[in-house]
Protein backbone atom coordinates (compact mmCIF):
# COMPACT_ATOMS: atom_id res chain seq x y z
CA MET A 1 47.45 24.67 -77.30
CA PRO A 2 49.28 27.78 -75.87
CA ALA A 3 51.49 27.05 -72.35
CA LEU A 4 49.89 30.49 -71.29
CA PHE A 5 46.43 29.53 -72.05
CA HIS A 6 46.92 25.73 -70.74
CA TRP A 7 48.08 27.54 -67.67
CA LEU A 8 45.14 29.98 -67.28
CA LEU A 9 42.74 26.71 -67.70
CA ARG A 10 44.46 24.86 -65.01
CA LEU A 11 43.84 27.85 -62.42
CA LEU A 12 40.08 27.47 -62.78
CA PRO A 13 38.07 25.48 -65.37
CA THR A 14 40.12 22.64 -65.66
CA ASN A 15 41.74 22.70 -62.14
CA PRO A 16 42.24 19.29 -60.88
CA ILE A 17 41.54 20.16 -57.39
CA GLY A 18 38.41 22.13 -58.00
CA LEU A 19 36.85 19.16 -60.17
CA ARG A 20 37.55 16.51 -57.67
CA VAL A 21 35.96 18.67 -54.78
CA VAL A 22 32.70 19.49 -56.82
CA ARG A 23 32.54 15.61 -58.44
CA ASN A 24 32.91 14.32 -55.02
CA GLY A 25 30.58 16.88 -53.26
CA SER A 26 27.86 16.76 -56.15
CA CYS A 27 27.51 12.83 -55.19
CA ARG A 28 27.09 13.43 -51.87
CA SER A 29 23.34 12.91 -50.27
CA LYS A 30 23.75 15.32 -47.32
CA GLN A 31 25.10 18.50 -49.53
CA PHE A 32 22.04 17.24 -52.16
CA PHE A 33 19.56 17.62 -49.20
CA LEU A 34 21.25 20.86 -47.85
CA ARG A 35 20.94 22.64 -51.65
CA GLY A 36 17.23 21.27 -51.77
CA ALA A 37 16.47 22.45 -47.91
CA PHE A 38 17.77 26.03 -48.99
CA LEU A 39 16.17 26.27 -51.88
CA GLY A 40 12.73 24.82 -50.08
CA VAL A 41 13.04 27.27 -47.52
CA LEU A 42 13.32 29.98 -49.60
CA ILE A 43 10.22 29.16 -51.73
CA LEU A 44 8.22 28.30 -48.62
CA MET A 45 8.65 31.51 -47.36
CA MET A 46 7.52 33.35 -50.50
CA LEU A 47 4.63 31.34 -50.85
CA SER A 48 3.58 31.70 -47.31
CA MET A 49 3.62 35.32 -47.30
CA LEU A 50 2.00 35.53 -50.90
CA LEU A 51 -0.95 33.61 -49.50
CA PHE A 52 -1.11 35.67 -46.11
CA SER A 53 -1.12 38.78 -48.70
CA VAL A 54 -3.97 37.50 -51.29
CA SER A 55 -5.70 35.85 -47.96
CA SER A 56 -6.48 39.15 -46.42
CA GLY A 57 -8.74 40.63 -49.13
CA SER A 58 -8.72 41.74 -52.79
CA LEU A 59 -5.60 43.56 -53.75
CA SER A 60 -5.20 46.43 -56.16
CA LEU A 61 -1.90 46.66 -58.49
CA ARG A 62 -0.37 49.42 -56.02
CA GLU A 63 -1.02 46.73 -53.02
CA LEU A 64 0.08 43.98 -54.75
CA ALA A 65 3.54 46.05 -55.77
CA ALA A 66 3.84 46.73 -52.14
CA SER A 67 3.23 42.99 -51.04
CA GLY A 68 6.11 42.11 -53.78
CA ALA A 69 8.17 44.42 -52.37
CA THR A 70 7.85 43.19 -48.42
CA ILE A 71 8.33 39.84 -49.80
CA PHE A 72 11.44 40.24 -51.69
CA THR A 73 12.88 41.83 -48.69
CA TRP A 74 12.26 39.41 -46.01
CA VAL A 75 13.20 36.85 -48.55
CA SER A 76 16.58 38.50 -48.98
CA VAL A 77 17.29 38.59 -45.64
CA LEU A 78 16.62 34.94 -45.43
CA GLU A 79 18.57 34.32 -48.24
CA VAL A 80 21.64 36.28 -47.00
CA LEU A 81 20.95 34.77 -43.30
CA LEU A 82 21.19 31.10 -45.09
CA VAL A 83 24.50 31.86 -46.64
CA CYS A 84 26.14 33.12 -43.83
CA LEU A 85 25.06 29.56 -42.09
CA ILE A 86 25.53 26.99 -45.06
CA THR A 87 29.13 28.55 -46.41
CA PRO A 88 30.50 27.37 -43.58
CA ILE A 89 29.45 24.16 -43.80
CA PHE A 90 30.39 23.53 -47.22
CA MET A 91 33.91 25.06 -45.77
CA ALA A 92 34.30 22.90 -43.20
CA GLY A 93 36.14 20.24 -45.14
CA ALA A 94 38.70 22.75 -46.34
CA ILE A 95 39.44 23.87 -42.98
CA ALA A 96 39.76 20.05 -41.24
CA HIS A 97 40.72 17.66 -44.04
CA GLU A 98 42.81 19.67 -46.17
CA SER A 99 44.70 21.25 -42.71
CA ASN A 100 45.88 17.93 -42.27
CA PRO A 101 49.77 18.25 -42.62
CA ARG A 102 50.06 14.88 -44.77
CA THR A 103 47.25 15.96 -47.31
CA TRP A 104 49.17 19.27 -47.89
CA ASP A 105 52.59 17.33 -48.30
CA ILE A 106 51.12 14.74 -50.83
CA LEU A 107 49.37 18.30 -52.91
CA LEU A 108 52.94 19.83 -52.88
CA THR A 109 54.53 17.02 -54.55
CA THR A 110 52.28 17.31 -57.81
CA PRO A 111 53.09 19.13 -60.47
CA LEU A 112 50.36 21.98 -59.55
CA SER A 113 51.93 25.46 -58.72
CA SER A 114 50.81 26.90 -55.29
CA ILE A 115 48.19 29.15 -56.85
CA GLN A 116 46.30 26.34 -58.52
CA ILE A 117 46.24 24.63 -55.24
CA VAL A 118 44.77 27.44 -53.29
CA LEU A 119 42.24 28.46 -55.95
CA GLY A 120 41.23 24.83 -56.44
CA ASN A 121 40.43 24.51 -52.68
CA LEU A 122 38.48 28.02 -52.78
CA PHE A 123 36.54 27.77 -55.77
CA GLY A 124 35.93 24.22 -55.79
CA ARG A 125 33.85 24.67 -52.50
CA TRP A 126 32.61 27.75 -53.36
CA PHE A 127 30.88 26.50 -56.46
CA PHE A 128 27.79 25.13 -54.64
CA VAL A 129 27.46 28.10 -52.55
CA LEU A 130 27.35 30.20 -55.79
CA ALA A 131 25.12 27.38 -57.81
CA LEU A 132 22.53 27.89 -54.80
CA LEU A 133 22.59 31.76 -55.36
CA ILE A 134 22.01 31.40 -59.12
CA SER A 135 19.32 29.02 -58.47
CA SER A 136 17.44 31.31 -56.35
CA LEU A 137 17.52 34.36 -58.84
CA PRO A 138 14.21 32.74 -60.71
CA LEU A 139 12.60 33.41 -57.38
CA PHE A 140 12.94 36.80 -57.70
CA MET A 141 12.45 37.13 -61.18
CA ILE A 142 8.89 36.20 -60.54
CA LEU A 143 8.06 39.08 -57.63
CA ARG A 144 9.00 41.55 -60.58
CA PHE A 145 5.60 40.33 -61.72
CA PHE A 146 3.92 42.08 -58.90
CA GLY A 147 5.87 45.22 -59.33
CA GLY A 148 7.83 46.90 -56.65
CA VAL A 149 10.80 45.03 -57.10
CA PRO A 150 13.56 47.03 -59.52
CA GLY A 151 15.93 44.81 -61.16
CA GLU A 152 18.78 46.65 -59.40
CA SER A 153 17.79 45.41 -56.34
CA ILE A 154 17.67 41.79 -56.98
CA PHE A 155 21.14 41.76 -58.58
CA GLY A 156 22.65 43.90 -55.79
CA ALA A 157 21.22 41.57 -53.07
CA PHE A 158 22.61 38.75 -55.04
CA ALA A 159 26.21 40.75 -55.16
CA ILE A 160 25.82 41.07 -51.25
CA ALA A 161 25.40 37.27 -50.65
CA ALA A 162 27.70 36.17 -53.01
CA SER A 163 30.30 38.46 -51.90
CA THR A 164 29.57 37.42 -48.37
CA SER A 165 29.96 33.64 -49.13
CA LEU A 166 33.25 34.63 -51.36
CA LEU A 167 34.96 35.93 -48.12
CA VAL A 168 33.71 33.40 -45.87
CA ALA A 169 35.33 30.54 -48.23
CA ALA A 170 38.53 32.60 -48.69
CA VAL A 171 38.71 32.83 -44.48
CA ALA A 172 38.35 28.95 -44.74
CA VAL A 173 40.84 28.29 -47.11
CA THR A 174 43.29 30.51 -45.54
CA LEU A 175 42.78 28.64 -41.93
CA SER A 176 43.51 25.58 -44.11
CA VAL A 177 46.51 26.63 -45.82
CA THR A 178 48.21 28.07 -42.33
CA ARG A 179 46.97 24.54 -40.55
CA ALA A 180 45.55 27.00 -37.69
CA GLY A 181 43.98 24.62 -35.25
CA GLY A 182 42.37 21.31 -37.73
CA LYS A 183 38.76 20.28 -36.81
CA ARG A 184 38.65 22.99 -33.96
CA SER A 185 38.74 25.84 -36.50
CA VAL A 186 35.45 24.99 -37.53
CA PHE A 187 34.23 26.16 -34.51
CA ALA A 188 35.92 29.11 -34.07
CA PHE A 189 35.10 29.82 -37.84
CA TYR A 190 31.40 29.92 -36.59
CA CYS A 191 31.96 31.72 -33.53
CA GLY A 192 33.86 34.40 -35.64
CA ILE A 193 31.03 35.14 -38.22
CA VAL A 194 28.19 34.94 -35.41
CA ALA A 195 30.59 37.52 -33.22
CA ALA A 196 31.61 39.78 -36.47
CA LEU A 197 27.66 40.13 -37.50
CA PHE A 198 26.75 41.09 -33.83
CA ILE A 199 29.38 43.90 -33.35
CA THR A 200 29.02 45.47 -36.31
CA TYR A 201 25.27 45.74 -35.94
CA ALA A 202 25.21 46.47 -32.32
CA ILE A 203 27.94 49.46 -32.90
CA ASP A 204 25.96 50.77 -35.84
CA ARG A 205 22.71 50.89 -33.97
CA GLN A 206 24.17 53.24 -31.25
CA ILE A 207 26.35 55.30 -33.60
CA ARG A 208 23.30 56.20 -36.29
CA VAL A 209 22.53 59.88 -36.46
CA PRO A 210 18.80 61.19 -37.56
CA VAL A 211 18.33 62.62 -40.57
CA PRO A 212 17.24 66.11 -40.17
CA GLY A 213 14.02 67.04 -40.95
CA THR A 214 12.88 63.58 -40.74
CA VAL A 215 11.34 61.04 -37.76
CA ASP A 216 12.56 57.52 -38.53
CA SER A 217 15.43 58.06 -40.89
CA SER A 218 18.93 57.84 -40.23
CA TRP A 219 22.46 57.94 -41.97
CA THR A 220 24.59 55.20 -42.93
CA THR A 221 27.64 54.75 -40.79
CA ILE A 222 31.25 53.39 -41.04
CA MET A 223 29.97 50.30 -39.95
CA THR A 224 27.67 49.83 -42.92
CA PRO A 225 30.27 48.62 -45.47
CA LEU A 226 31.16 45.96 -42.92
CA ASN A 227 28.14 43.98 -42.51
CA PRO A 228 25.95 42.20 -44.82
CA PHE A 229 22.62 42.97 -43.45
CA LEU A 230 23.39 46.70 -43.00
CA ALA A 231 24.41 46.69 -46.48
CA LEU A 232 21.03 44.95 -47.52
CA GLU A 233 19.32 47.27 -45.33
CA VAL A 234 20.61 50.15 -47.20
CA LEU A 235 19.33 48.52 -51.07
CA LEU A 236 16.19 47.59 -49.39
CA ALA A 237 15.05 50.42 -47.11
CA SER A 238 17.15 53.31 -48.68
CA LYS A 239 14.13 55.92 -47.02
CA SER A 240 14.63 54.96 -43.52
CA TYR A 241 18.39 54.15 -43.88
CA VAL A 242 19.44 56.95 -45.73
CA PRO A 243 23.46 56.76 -47.54
CA HIS A 244 25.18 59.74 -46.38
CA ASP A 245 25.73 62.75 -48.39
CA GLN A 246 29.17 63.88 -48.00
CA MET A 247 30.07 65.90 -51.14
CA ASP A 248 32.80 67.99 -49.52
CA SER A 249 34.58 65.12 -48.15
CA SER A 250 37.57 62.98 -49.58
CA TRP A 251 36.51 60.28 -51.88
CA LEU A 252 37.43 57.58 -49.79
CA THR A 253 34.08 59.21 -47.42
CA ARG A 254 31.65 59.66 -49.92
CA LEU A 255 32.53 55.97 -51.48
CA TRP A 256 32.11 54.60 -47.55
CA LEU A 257 29.47 56.42 -46.53
CA ALA A 258 27.55 57.55 -49.92
CA LYS A 259 27.90 53.81 -51.51
CA PRO A 260 27.97 51.10 -48.90
CA VAL A 261 26.70 48.53 -51.20
CA ALA A 262 29.41 48.89 -53.53
CA THR A 263 31.96 49.20 -50.86
CA PHE A 264 30.70 46.15 -48.99
CA VAL A 265 31.20 44.23 -52.36
CA TRP A 266 34.52 45.68 -53.37
CA LEU A 267 35.85 45.15 -49.57
CA CYS A 268 34.88 41.60 -49.63
CA ILE A 269 36.28 41.13 -53.09
CA THR A 270 39.66 42.80 -52.55
CA THR A 271 39.80 41.06 -48.73
CA SER A 272 39.43 37.92 -50.62
CA THR A 273 42.27 38.49 -53.03
CA LEU A 274 44.61 39.30 -50.42
CA LEU A 275 43.77 36.41 -48.49
CA VAL A 276 44.20 33.91 -51.74
CA VAL A 277 47.63 36.07 -52.13
CA SER A 278 48.64 35.56 -48.83
CA SER A 279 47.84 31.86 -48.54
CA THR A 280 49.79 31.30 -51.93
CA LEU A 281 52.90 32.43 -50.44
CA CYS A 282 52.65 30.66 -47.01
CA VAL A 283 51.66 27.18 -48.81
CA ARG A 284 55.51 26.26 -49.06
CA ILE A 285 56.54 28.07 -46.26
CA PHE A 286 54.28 26.46 -44.05
CA ALA A 287 55.39 22.88 -45.65
CA ARG A 288 59.04 23.90 -44.65
CA ASN A 289 58.32 24.66 -41.29
CA GLY A 290 56.45 21.08 -40.98
CA GLY A 291 53.51 22.75 -38.67
CA THR A 292 54.04 20.63 -35.87
CA GLU A 293 55.12 23.55 -33.31
CA THR A 294 53.11 26.62 -33.04
CA THR A 295 54.38 29.95 -32.57
CA LEU A 296 53.04 30.30 -28.63
CA ARG A 297 54.83 26.97 -27.57
CA ARG A 298 57.94 28.31 -29.27
CA LEU A 299 57.29 31.58 -27.47
CA PHE A 300 56.78 30.47 -24.04
CA GLY A 301 59.24 27.30 -24.44
CA LEU A 302 56.83 24.73 -24.04
CA ALA A 303 56.77 21.15 -25.03
CA PRO A 304 55.45 20.07 -28.09
CA SER A 305 51.98 18.73 -28.27
CA GLY A 306 52.94 15.25 -28.85
CA ALA A 307 55.55 15.04 -26.13
CA LEU A 308 55.82 11.91 -24.61
CA GLU A 309 56.91 12.80 -20.82
CA ARG A 310 54.82 15.29 -18.39
CA GLU A 311 54.05 15.25 -14.68
CA PRO A 312 51.42 12.98 -13.21
CA ARG A 313 48.53 14.47 -12.34
CA PRO A 314 45.43 13.24 -9.52
CA VAL A 315 42.39 12.44 -12.43
CA GLY A 316 39.67 12.17 -8.99
CA ARG A 317 37.07 9.35 -9.07
CA ASN A 318 35.78 9.46 -12.78
CA ALA A 319 39.17 9.93 -15.35
CA VAL A 320 37.01 10.77 -18.30
CA ALA A 321 35.45 14.13 -16.35
CA TRP A 322 38.93 14.83 -15.42
CA ARG A 323 40.12 14.49 -18.85
CA GLU A 324 37.40 16.48 -20.50
CA SER A 325 37.48 19.46 -17.73
CA HIS A 326 41.17 19.79 -18.57
CA ARG A 327 40.96 19.61 -22.25
CA GLY A 328 43.54 21.73 -23.97
CA GLN A 329 44.88 23.09 -20.56
CA GLY A 330 48.25 23.18 -22.16
CA ASN A 331 47.05 25.17 -25.12
CA TRP A 332 47.74 28.68 -24.66
CA SER A 333 45.20 29.74 -27.14
CA GLY A 334 42.56 27.99 -25.55
CA ILE A 335 43.43 29.22 -22.53
CA ILE A 336 43.75 33.00 -23.61
CA ALA A 337 40.59 32.65 -25.32
CA ARG A 338 38.50 30.97 -22.65
CA TRP A 339 39.31 33.96 -20.32
CA GLY A 340 39.67 36.69 -23.07
CA PHE A 341 36.30 36.27 -23.55
CA VAL A 342 35.15 36.73 -19.93
CA ALA A 343 37.41 39.67 -19.33
CA ALA A 344 36.16 41.17 -22.71
CA THR A 345 32.34 40.80 -22.18
CA LEU A 346 32.31 41.91 -18.59
CA LEU A 347 34.32 44.75 -19.66
CA ALA A 348 32.12 45.87 -22.30
CA THR A 349 29.18 45.06 -20.02
CA ILE A 350 30.83 47.73 -17.19
CA MET A 351 31.72 50.27 -20.29
CA ILE A 352 28.12 50.65 -21.62
CA LEU A 353 26.98 51.28 -18.13
CA TRP A 354 29.50 53.76 -17.41
CA LEU A 355 28.55 55.24 -20.67
CA HIS A 356 24.81 55.65 -19.61
CA ALA A 357 26.19 56.72 -15.96
CA SER A 358 28.08 59.63 -17.53
CA GLY A 359 25.17 60.70 -20.12
CA SER A 360 26.44 59.30 -23.26
CA MET A 361 23.96 56.99 -23.80
CA THR A 362 19.98 57.17 -23.54
CA LEU A 363 17.95 54.78 -21.54
CA ALA A 364 16.64 53.02 -24.87
CA ASN A 365 20.14 52.83 -26.57
CA LEU A 366 21.39 51.22 -23.04
CA ARG A 367 18.53 48.50 -22.94
CA GLU A 368 19.12 47.41 -26.90
CA SER A 369 22.81 47.46 -26.06
CA ILE A 370 22.45 45.15 -23.20
CA GLY A 371 20.22 42.96 -25.19
CA PHE A 372 22.75 42.72 -28.18
CA LEU A 373 25.95 41.90 -25.54
CA VAL A 374 23.91 39.05 -23.25
CA LEU A 375 22.30 37.46 -26.23
CA GLY A 376 25.54 37.23 -28.26
CA GLU A 377 27.08 36.00 -25.06
CA VAL A 378 24.41 33.16 -25.00
CA CYS A 379 25.01 32.27 -28.70
CA LEU A 380 28.61 31.85 -28.43
CA VAL A 381 28.13 29.86 -25.13
CA THR A 382 25.58 27.58 -26.77
CA LEU A 383 28.33 27.33 -29.70
CA VAL A 384 30.98 26.41 -27.48
CA ALA A 385 28.94 23.55 -25.80
CA ILE A 386 27.57 22.02 -28.86
CA ASN A 387 31.13 22.23 -30.17
CA LEU A 388 32.55 20.39 -27.19
CA SER A 389 29.83 17.68 -26.79
CA ALA A 390 29.57 16.96 -30.35
CA THR A 391 33.34 16.23 -30.51
CA ALA A 392 33.86 14.50 -27.32
CA VAL A 393 33.07 10.92 -28.77
CA SER A 394 33.46 11.50 -32.15
CA LYS A 395 36.90 12.56 -32.17
CA GLU A 396 38.17 9.38 -29.78
CA ARG A 397 36.85 7.28 -32.77
CA GLU A 398 38.63 9.17 -35.27
CA ASP A 399 41.94 8.82 -33.62
CA GLY A 400 41.62 5.26 -32.52
CA SER A 401 41.47 5.79 -28.69
CA LEU A 402 37.71 4.88 -28.54
CA ASP A 403 38.58 1.26 -29.17
CA ILE A 404 41.59 1.52 -26.24
CA ILE A 405 38.72 2.97 -23.77
CA LEU A 406 36.12 0.43 -24.91
CA THR A 407 38.67 -2.49 -23.70
CA THR A 408 38.99 -1.07 -20.22
CA PRO A 409 36.32 -2.30 -17.34
CA ILE A 410 34.37 1.11 -17.32
CA GLN A 411 30.68 1.24 -18.27
CA PRO A 412 28.49 3.16 -20.92
CA GLY A 413 27.01 4.80 -18.06
CA PRO A 414 29.99 6.53 -16.16
CA TYR A 415 31.39 6.77 -19.21
CA LEU A 416 28.81 9.42 -20.33
CA ALA A 417 28.48 10.63 -17.48
CA GLY A 418 32.35 11.65 -17.20
CA LYS A 419 31.88 13.28 -20.47
CA HIS A 420 28.79 15.56 -19.69
CA ARG A 421 30.42 16.37 -16.43
CA GLY A 422 33.53 17.30 -17.69
CA VAL A 423 32.16 19.47 -20.37
CA ILE A 424 30.01 21.37 -18.00
CA ARG A 425 32.99 22.22 -15.79
CA PHE A 426 35.17 23.01 -18.68
CA LEU A 427 32.21 25.56 -19.71
CA LEU A 428 31.13 26.58 -16.34
CA PRO A 429 33.59 30.07 -16.36
CA ILE A 430 31.90 31.09 -19.88
CA MET A 431 28.60 29.83 -18.20
CA CYS A 432 28.72 32.44 -15.59
CA VAL A 433 29.36 35.29 -18.21
CA PRO A 434 25.81 36.14 -19.43
CA ILE A 435 24.84 35.57 -15.96
CA ALA A 436 27.22 37.79 -14.20
CA SER A 437 26.40 40.30 -17.00
CA LEU A 438 22.52 40.48 -16.30
CA VAL A 439 23.50 40.66 -12.20
CA LEU A 440 25.87 44.17 -13.20
CA VAL A 441 22.80 45.20 -15.05
CA MET A 442 20.64 44.42 -11.80
CA LEU A 443 22.94 46.09 -9.53
CA TYR A 444 23.26 49.25 -11.50
CA THR A 445 19.48 49.10 -11.58
CA PHE A 446 19.35 49.11 -7.74
CA MET A 447 21.75 51.88 -7.28
CA HIS A 448 19.52 53.81 -9.40
CA GLY A 449 22.36 54.41 -12.41
CA PHE A 450 24.34 56.65 -9.35
CA GLY A 451 21.81 59.20 -10.22
CA THR A 452 21.22 58.73 -13.74
CA PRO A 453 17.43 57.87 -14.14
CA VAL A 454 16.67 54.20 -15.13
CA ASP A 455 13.23 53.80 -15.09
CA SER A 456 10.90 54.57 -17.98
CA THR A 457 7.16 55.27 -17.78
CA MET A 458 4.31 53.54 -19.89
CA THR A 459 0.66 54.30 -19.61
CA LEU A 460 -1.80 51.33 -19.69
CA ALA A 461 -5.21 51.16 -21.10
CA SER A 462 -6.76 51.77 -17.57
CA GLY A 463 -5.05 55.11 -17.88
CA VAL A 464 -2.42 54.22 -14.88
CA THR A 465 0.99 55.19 -15.63
CA ILE A 466 3.33 52.67 -14.38
CA ASP A 467 7.39 52.67 -14.02
CA ILE A 468 9.51 49.96 -15.96
CA PRO A 469 12.74 49.84 -14.57
CA LEU A 470 15.80 49.03 -16.65
CA ILE A 471 15.56 45.05 -15.85
CA GLN A 472 13.53 43.04 -13.95
CA TRP A 473 15.25 41.18 -11.21
CA GLN A 474 12.94 38.53 -11.46
CA ALA A 475 14.23 38.19 -15.39
CA VAL A 476 17.62 37.90 -14.11
CA VAL A 477 16.95 34.92 -11.61
CA ALA A 478 14.77 32.81 -13.71
CA PHE A 479 17.58 33.22 -16.54
CA ALA A 480 20.04 32.12 -13.71
CA LEU A 481 17.89 29.57 -13.24
CA VAL A 482 17.24 28.21 -16.84
CA PHE A 483 20.76 28.71 -18.13
CA VAL A 484 22.48 25.97 -16.38
CA PRO A 485 19.80 22.97 -17.29
CA PHE A 486 19.61 24.30 -20.82
CA THR A 487 23.29 24.23 -21.22
CA ALA A 488 23.45 21.10 -19.87
CA PHE A 489 20.52 19.96 -22.27
CA CYS A 490 22.57 21.02 -25.04
CA VAL A 491 25.71 18.98 -24.08
CA MET A 492 23.55 16.03 -24.01
CA ILE A 493 21.97 16.97 -27.13
CA GLY A 494 25.80 17.28 -28.67
CA LEU A 495 27.01 14.02 -27.04
CA MET A 496 24.48 12.15 -28.49
CA TRP A 497 25.35 13.02 -32.21
CA SER A 498 28.74 12.30 -31.27
CA ILE A 499 27.93 8.94 -30.36
CA ARG A 500 25.86 8.54 -33.59
CA SER A 501 27.99 9.73 -36.30
CA ARG A 502 31.34 8.92 -37.83
CA GLY A 503 32.98 12.45 -37.44
CA SER A 504 33.52 15.42 -35.96
CA ILE A 505 32.36 17.36 -38.65
CA GLY A 506 29.02 15.85 -39.39
CA SER A 507 27.97 15.57 -35.53
CA VAL A 508 28.74 19.39 -34.96
CA ILE A 509 26.91 20.45 -38.27
CA THR A 510 24.11 18.43 -37.09
CA GLY A 511 24.25 19.40 -33.32
CA ILE A 512 24.10 23.23 -34.35
CA LEU A 513 21.31 22.49 -36.86
CA ILE A 514 19.12 20.69 -34.06
CA ILE A 515 19.74 23.02 -31.33
CA GLY A 516 19.52 26.34 -33.57
CA GLY A 517 16.18 24.89 -34.80
CA LEU A 518 14.95 24.07 -31.02
CA ILE A 519 15.41 27.78 -29.87
CA VAL A 520 14.04 29.18 -32.67
CA THR A 521 11.07 27.16 -32.75
CA LEU A 522 10.31 27.71 -28.75
CA SER A 523 11.14 31.03 -28.81
CA LEU A 524 8.74 31.97 -31.61
CA CYS A 525 5.79 29.69 -30.54
CA ALA A 526 6.20 31.64 -26.92
CA VAL A 527 5.47 34.85 -28.58
CA PRO A 528 1.65 34.47 -29.01
CA VAL A 529 1.25 33.36 -25.20
CA MET A 530 3.61 36.09 -24.20
CA ASN A 531 0.83 38.69 -25.76
CA SER A 532 -1.74 37.32 -24.07
CA SER A 533 -2.61 38.37 -20.58
CA GLY A 534 -2.93 36.07 -17.52
CA ILE A 535 -0.18 34.21 -15.59
CA PHE A 536 0.75 32.25 -18.44
CA ALA A 537 2.18 34.91 -20.53
CA PRO A 538 5.31 35.70 -18.11
CA MET A 539 5.42 31.83 -17.40
CA ALA A 540 5.83 31.19 -21.28
CA ALA A 541 8.44 33.95 -21.66
CA THR A 542 10.81 31.12 -19.69
CA ILE A 543 10.89 28.96 -22.42
CA SER A 544 14.10 29.92 -24.04
CA PRO A 545 17.11 31.83 -22.55
CA ALA A 546 16.56 34.71 -25.48
CA ASN A 547 12.87 35.47 -24.29
CA ILE A 548 13.89 35.81 -20.87
CA ILE A 549 16.18 38.53 -21.68
CA LEU A 550 13.78 40.23 -24.24
CA THR A 551 11.35 40.36 -21.45
CA GLY A 552 13.50 41.35 -18.43
CA LEU A 553 14.78 44.29 -20.44
CA LYS A 554 11.59 45.26 -22.69
CA PRO A 555 8.50 43.89 -20.74
CA SER A 556 6.17 47.00 -22.73
CA GLU A 557 7.16 45.08 -26.00
CA TRP A 558 7.31 41.51 -24.81
CA LEU A 559 4.77 41.38 -22.12
CA PRO A 560 2.21 44.26 -22.93
CA ASN A 561 -1.22 42.83 -21.72
CA ALA A 562 0.85 41.08 -18.40
CA LEU A 563 1.62 44.52 -17.16
CA GLY A 564 0.01 45.61 -13.93
CA GLU A 565 0.01 48.43 -11.29
CA ASN A 566 2.21 46.02 -9.08
CA THR A 567 4.92 43.43 -9.90
CA ILE A 568 3.01 40.25 -9.07
CA SER A 569 3.18 39.28 -12.78
CA PHE A 570 6.67 38.99 -12.94
CA ILE A 571 6.82 36.80 -9.92
CA TRP A 572 5.36 33.96 -12.48
CA LEU A 573 8.90 34.43 -14.08
CA LEU A 574 10.54 32.85 -11.21
CA VAL A 575 7.57 30.00 -11.26
CA GLY A 576 8.28 29.33 -15.01
CA GLY A 577 11.96 29.72 -14.70
CA THR A 578 12.08 26.65 -11.88
CA LEU A 579 9.50 24.28 -14.07
CA THR A 580 11.68 24.96 -17.17
CA ALA A 581 14.58 24.09 -15.51
CA GLY A 582 13.03 20.93 -14.30
CA CYS A 583 12.23 20.42 -17.51
CA TYR A 584 15.47 20.63 -19.22
CA ALA A 585 17.26 18.90 -16.42
CA THR A 586 14.40 15.93 -16.88
CA GLY A 587 15.50 16.29 -20.71
CA ALA A 588 19.09 15.64 -20.08
CA VAL A 589 18.31 12.88 -17.58
CA LEU A 590 16.06 11.11 -19.99
CA LEU A 591 18.66 11.02 -22.95
CA HIS A 592 21.58 10.44 -20.52
CA ARG A 593 19.32 7.14 -19.81
CA GLN A 594 18.29 6.34 -23.58
CA MET A 595 22.15 6.70 -24.91
CA THR A 596 23.16 4.14 -22.08
CA ARG A 597 21.06 1.60 -23.28
CA THR A 598 21.71 2.00 -26.83
CA PHE A 599 25.41 3.01 -26.65
CA MET A 600 27.17 -0.46 -27.05
CA MET A 601 25.04 -1.38 -29.75
CA THR A 602 25.76 2.22 -31.67
CA VAL A 603 29.55 2.13 -30.98
CA ARG A 604 29.70 -1.51 -32.61
CA GLN A 605 27.63 -0.34 -35.66
CA LEU A 606 30.06 2.35 -36.30
CA ALA A 607 33.41 0.10 -35.39
CA GLY A 608 35.99 0.63 -37.66
CA THR A 609 34.91 3.72 -39.31
CA ASN A 610 36.37 7.33 -38.91
């Protein structure tokens, strides 16, 4: 066999690292169930929407084609959403395990070249996501029998999902090569994806320009090729989200605005290629540096993370709580990230209010911007809470310090209470961010927008016209009552799985899936009650923080039948918020008691594993 052909085969088809990752991953039951759940969710959604369309009455061929197009749209959006959630799970191993300097030292002693090491890690784990996308193609092909779903849309949606997963996988491998944080980078990985999707979509909504001569159509923007959901909207709703016609502009402008789907795919491929090239060049550079001292520590002259000497510090009555509340205190990147998040979000809130006060933003856009911003803050705070709590015990099991702690006189109750209290103390600055943002909006409403109208009108079924302020102050108070116990409940869920899981990755992923499923279920189940009238509608709106935010900003959409000529309906938001806060607090206390009773038995069962 020619040497060049053998070298090309070792890049991908016969790459030892890729074959090892695929072989080991194919034998794991967790990944098997994850792949089955991916297809199961898509099939369940397609069948439920199809049965709903058929049960509504006899369908003509035109109506059947329209139903097929609608089903294809929702299933495609769900597929891209699942890809954004599942790809980090498959790539978590590349970040957490391969980022260990010892692993890289062993790999660099083998005959494999740098490009073979990087491509093996990348395509070995991306293979599973690509296999899922290929297995979902027959589902889309079935919809073609209904009509209304062209083949170009099917393969376009596949290209968007595949390129998105490729970019996410390339970023994960880059984090692994640069050894940027180890297991903590898995959480930063999730937060980066969520923040990028929220920010680009929110900016796009604000800068859209209507198409002349139409009512509900708008041109594509510069953010369209930067977000997979926006690119998918162009592909599936080209009549309402129209590619911009820039015939007299430069080729880059025409490509960016007139062909956003192709631009998105090529951007993902190009960026992934650049990341692979940079990772290939950095593999042996970081090996020579050893990877033990970060750039910030060298810049500020701080002691290495493994230093043996430090100044003694008072730890209070519960040393465990002090340790958790001061986690990462000597890490400049963590301090900058936490307080930078606080400063950036509050500054963003002030800038949005200033744009409305200066007349550059309409009231509808202001409500939408505040909603996107605060919901994004809540998502990030919840992810931080789950990550910290889900690794609180499992990381001590992995490094062996849990075995040492168990030899001390500390009991399970004070130990778990210290973990919970310390994590809450650490989270307190960022927990106040969404509350502070809503308080700023409430004060802006009380100040009547400094002369800019902040009230909209709505005509009830009785013919009475009422004024709806920018935000209901009762919703702000209810959110402040609910959010802290809700975060404490999320922390307790993370602690529970941190005790039961052998490793940090499994506990973090399980905690995210449980809390995410709980929030989605509660929010969706509350919607039918919110659409009813009476006192139960505003009380049901307090069941989750997301519903409270949406209700406070847009009560005409989320509480349409509970509005009256006075604000008596919104008083029940305070009652519901108090009851919901009590429920979350009670749930946290019950979980703490249950974990205290079963702590020793669970720890002994997992003793010696990591």
